[in-house]
Amino acid sequence: MIKGMKPPVLVRALTDEERRQLMAGLRSCDAFVLRRCQVLLASAQGKPVKDIAAHLGCATQTVRNIIKAFNQWGQGALRRQSNRPKSVRPVLDDQERQRLKTLLEQSPRAFGKERSTWTLHLVAQVAQEQGLTGNKVLNIESVRVALKRLNLNWKRAKAWINSPDPAYARKKSGVTG
């Protein structure tokens, strides 16, 4: 093996019972089980990850993950696991949400912005600039969720709002492009 190269990823030696179960899995009506059995049996024959992935039309990392799961959990790797995250916490805690609310009570112009109304993107940007979230990165979705948790109704300005000023269209096109 070339120095610095990782050893090939192969499934561990299969017991007779495991081999029988994997062969039975090839007749499964569940595509998840079928694909895993195909990967594991091909790996047991000594085929490299790249060839298995090409033959089955999947990513090489998928093949590696299946082999690693089987080596770790055995037949348990043939059962579909939950996709739910282990824990769900809001990006902003209660104290940070209150600071966000205080920020929203001010005009964006107080923070050197050229507009007088907030957008979700602008809120995220100013909150980041003001250090409201420490080193957490805010995006518009996390801002929207934080505002919802604060029971704040967030609505965008309506496109149909117009000014009675006869030069409104010209002025607006200069500002908005």
Protein backbone atom coordinates (compact mmCIF):
# COMPACT_ATOMS: atom_id res chain seq x y z
CA MET A 1 0.00 0.00 0.00
CA ILE A 2 1.19 3.51 -0.80
CA LYS A 3 2.18 5.61 2.20
CA GLY A 4 -0.63 7.95 3.29
CA MET A 5 -3.28 5.90 1.49
CA LYS A 6 -6.16 4.62 3.56
CA PRO A 7 -6.78 0.88 3.67
CA PRO A 8 -9.71 -0.31 1.55
CA VAL A 9 -13.09 -0.35 3.26
CA LEU A 10 -14.43 -3.89 3.37
CA VAL A 11 -17.14 -5.62 5.33
CA ARG A 12 -15.87 -7.86 8.14
CA ALA A 13 -15.92 -11.63 7.69
CA LEU A 14 -19.55 -12.81 7.51
CA THR A 15 -20.86 -15.72 9.54
CA ASP A 16 -22.90 -18.37 7.71
CA GLU A 17 -26.08 -17.06 9.35
CA GLU A 18 -25.33 -13.45 8.34
CA ARG A 19 -24.63 -14.54 4.76
CA ARG A 20 -27.98 -16.42 4.65
CA GLN A 21 -29.83 -13.38 5.99
CA LEU A 22 -28.14 -11.09 3.46
CA MET A 23 -29.03 -13.48 0.62
CA ALA A 24 -32.65 -13.54 1.87
CA GLY A 25 -32.55 -9.73 1.94
CA LEU A 26 -31.97 -9.74 -1.82
CA ARG A 27 -35.61 -10.84 -2.17
CA SER A 28 -36.91 -8.12 0.16
CA CYS A 29 -39.65 -5.81 -1.09
CA ASP A 30 -38.06 -2.99 0.95
CA ALA A 31 -35.57 -1.14 -1.29
CA PHE A 32 -33.60 0.00 1.77
CA VAL A 33 -32.89 -3.59 2.87
CA LEU A 34 -32.27 -4.76 -0.70
CA ARG A 35 -29.67 -2.03 -1.40
CA ARG A 36 -27.85 -2.69 1.87
CA CYS A 37 -27.72 -6.44 1.23
CA GLN A 38 -26.36 -5.82 -2.29
CA VAL A 39 -23.62 -3.56 -0.94
CA LEU A 40 -22.63 -5.91 1.87
CA LEU A 41 -22.52 -9.04 -0.28
CA ALA A 42 -20.48 -7.27 -2.95
CA SER A 43 -18.06 -6.05 -0.29
CA ALA A 44 -17.83 -9.58 1.16
CA GLN A 45 -16.72 -10.74 -2.32
CA GLY A 46 -13.82 -8.27 -2.08
CA LYS A 47 -15.12 -5.67 -4.54
CA PRO A 48 -13.82 -2.13 -3.92
CA VAL A 49 -16.16 0.62 -2.75
CA LYS A 50 -15.80 2.55 -6.02
CA ASP A 51 -16.92 -0.44 -8.11
CA ILE A 52 -19.88 -1.21 -5.83
CA ALA A 53 -21.04 2.39 -5.98
CA ALA A 54 -20.74 2.51 -9.77
CA HIS A 55 -22.60 -0.79 -10.20
CA LEU A 56 -25.47 0.21 -7.88
CA GLY A 57 -25.64 3.84 -8.97
CA CYS A 58 -24.99 5.41 -5.59
CA ALA A 59 -22.29 7.52 -3.96
CA THR A 60 -19.09 5.96 -2.67
CA GLN A 61 -19.74 7.54 0.73
CA THR A 62 -23.11 5.75 0.88
CA VAL A 63 -21.32 2.42 0.35
CA ARG A 64 -18.77 3.27 3.05
CA ASN A 65 -21.55 4.25 5.48
CA ILE A 66 -23.39 0.95 4.91
CA ILE A 67 -20.24 -1.12 5.43
CA LYS A 68 -19.29 0.86 8.55
CA ALA A 69 -22.80 0.47 9.99
CA PHE A 70 -22.79 -3.30 9.39
CA ASN A 71 -19.32 -3.71 10.88
CA GLN A 72 -20.51 -1.84 13.96
CA TRP A 73 -24.09 -3.12 14.44
CA GLY A 74 -24.30 -6.30 12.39
CA GLN A 75 -27.86 -7.17 11.28
CA GLY A 76 -29.14 -4.03 13.03
CA ALA A 77 -27.71 -2.04 10.10
CA LEU A 78 -30.41 -3.57 7.86
CA ARG A 79 -33.19 -1.78 9.77
CA ARG A 80 -34.04 1.78 8.88
CA GLN A 81 -33.19 4.20 11.70
CA SER A 82 -34.96 7.42 12.57
CA ASN A 83 -33.94 10.51 10.62
CA ARG A 84 -34.99 12.83 13.42
CA PRO A 85 -32.28 14.91 15.05
CA LYS A 86 -31.16 13.81 18.50
CA SER A 87 -32.10 17.17 20.00
CA VAL A 88 -33.86 20.25 18.74
CA ARG A 89 -33.04 23.62 20.23
CA PRO A 90 -33.90 27.03 18.83
CA VAL A 91 -30.94 28.97 17.43
CA LEU A 92 -31.77 31.93 19.69
CA ASP A 93 -32.50 31.43 23.39
CA ASP A 94 -35.03 33.54 25.35
CA GLN A 95 -32.54 36.27 26.24
CA GLU A 96 -31.30 36.59 22.65
CA ARG A 97 -34.88 36.74 21.35
CA GLN A 98 -35.64 39.61 23.74
CA ARG A 99 -32.55 41.43 22.49
CA LEU A 100 -33.78 40.81 18.93
CA LYS A 101 -37.16 42.33 19.85
CA THR A 102 -35.41 45.41 21.27
CA LEU A 103 -33.40 45.71 18.07
CA LEU A 104 -36.59 45.56 15.97
CA GLU A 105 -38.15 48.40 17.95
CA GLN A 106 -35.53 50.70 16.44
CA SER A 107 -35.25 51.86 12.86
CA PRO A 108 -32.68 50.19 10.61
CA ARG A 109 -31.34 53.70 10.01
CA ALA A 110 -30.16 53.75 13.64
CA PHE A 111 -27.71 51.04 12.55
CA GLY A 112 -26.49 52.90 9.48
CA LYS A 113 -28.79 51.21 6.97
CA GLU A 114 -30.38 53.15 4.11
CA ARG A 115 -33.92 51.83 4.55
CA SER A 116 -36.52 52.52 7.21
CA THR A 117 -38.20 49.09 7.28
CA TRP A 118 -36.86 45.74 8.36
CA THR A 119 -36.55 42.65 6.19
CA LEU A 120 -35.65 39.24 7.56
CA HIS A 121 -32.31 39.40 5.78
CA LEU A 122 -31.58 42.85 7.21
CA VAL A 123 -32.54 41.72 10.74
CA ALA A 124 -30.15 38.76 10.47
CA GLN A 125 -27.38 41.00 9.15
CA VAL A 126 -27.76 43.72 11.82
CA ALA A 127 -28.12 41.14 14.63
CA GLN A 128 -24.84 39.61 13.49
CA GLU A 129 -23.13 43.01 13.26
CA GLN A 130 -24.35 43.98 16.75
CA GLY A 131 -23.05 40.72 18.27
CA LEU A 132 -26.55 39.76 19.36
CA THR A 133 -25.90 36.08 18.70
CA GLY A 134 -22.27 35.76 19.70
CA ASN A 135 -20.62 33.59 17.07
CA LYS A 136 -23.84 31.88 15.92
CA VAL A 137 -24.69 32.44 12.27
CA LEU A 138 -28.21 33.73 11.69
CA ASN A 139 -30.17 33.20 8.52
CA ILE A 140 -33.62 34.44 7.57
CA GLU A 141 -35.27 31.18 8.63
CA SER A 142 -33.82 31.32 12.17
CA VAL A 143 -34.93 34.99 12.42
CA ARG A 144 -38.43 34.06 11.23
CA VAL A 145 -38.67 31.25 13.82
CA ALA A 146 -37.40 33.59 16.58
CA LEU A 147 -40.03 36.20 15.66
CA LYS A 148 -42.73 33.55 15.65
CA ARG A 149 -41.64 32.45 19.14
CA LEU A 150 -41.94 36.09 20.21
CA ASN A 151 -45.50 36.14 18.79
CA LEU A 152 -44.55 38.95 16.44
CA ASN A 153 -46.50 39.11 13.21
CA TRP A 154 -44.09 39.47 10.33
CA LYS A 155 -45.45 40.82 7.07
CA ARG A 156 -43.65 42.19 4.06
CA ALA A 157 -44.66 45.56 2.63
CA LYS A 158 -47.31 45.11 0.01
CA ALA A 159 -46.30 45.69 -3.61
CA TRP A 160 -49.48 47.68 -4.23
CA ILE A 161 -48.59 50.53 -1.86
CA ASN A 162 -48.09 53.67 -3.93
CA SER A 163 -47.47 57.31 -3.18
CA PRO A 164 -49.67 60.16 -4.45
CA ASP A 165 -46.44 61.90 -5.53
CA PRO A 166 -46.48 62.22 -9.37
CA ALA A 167 -42.72 61.48 -9.47
CA TYR A 168 -43.08 58.36 -7.27
CA ALA A 169 -42.43 55.86 -10.09
CA ARG A 170 -39.24 57.65 -11.15
CA LYS A 171 -37.99 57.97 -7.58
CA LYS A 172 -38.77 54.37 -6.75
CA SER A 173 -37.07 52.98 -9.85
CA GLY A 174 -33.92 54.88 -8.93
CA VAL A 175 -33.85 53.34 -5.46
CA THR A 176 -34.86 49.78 -6.24
CA GLY A 177 -33.10 49.39 -9.55
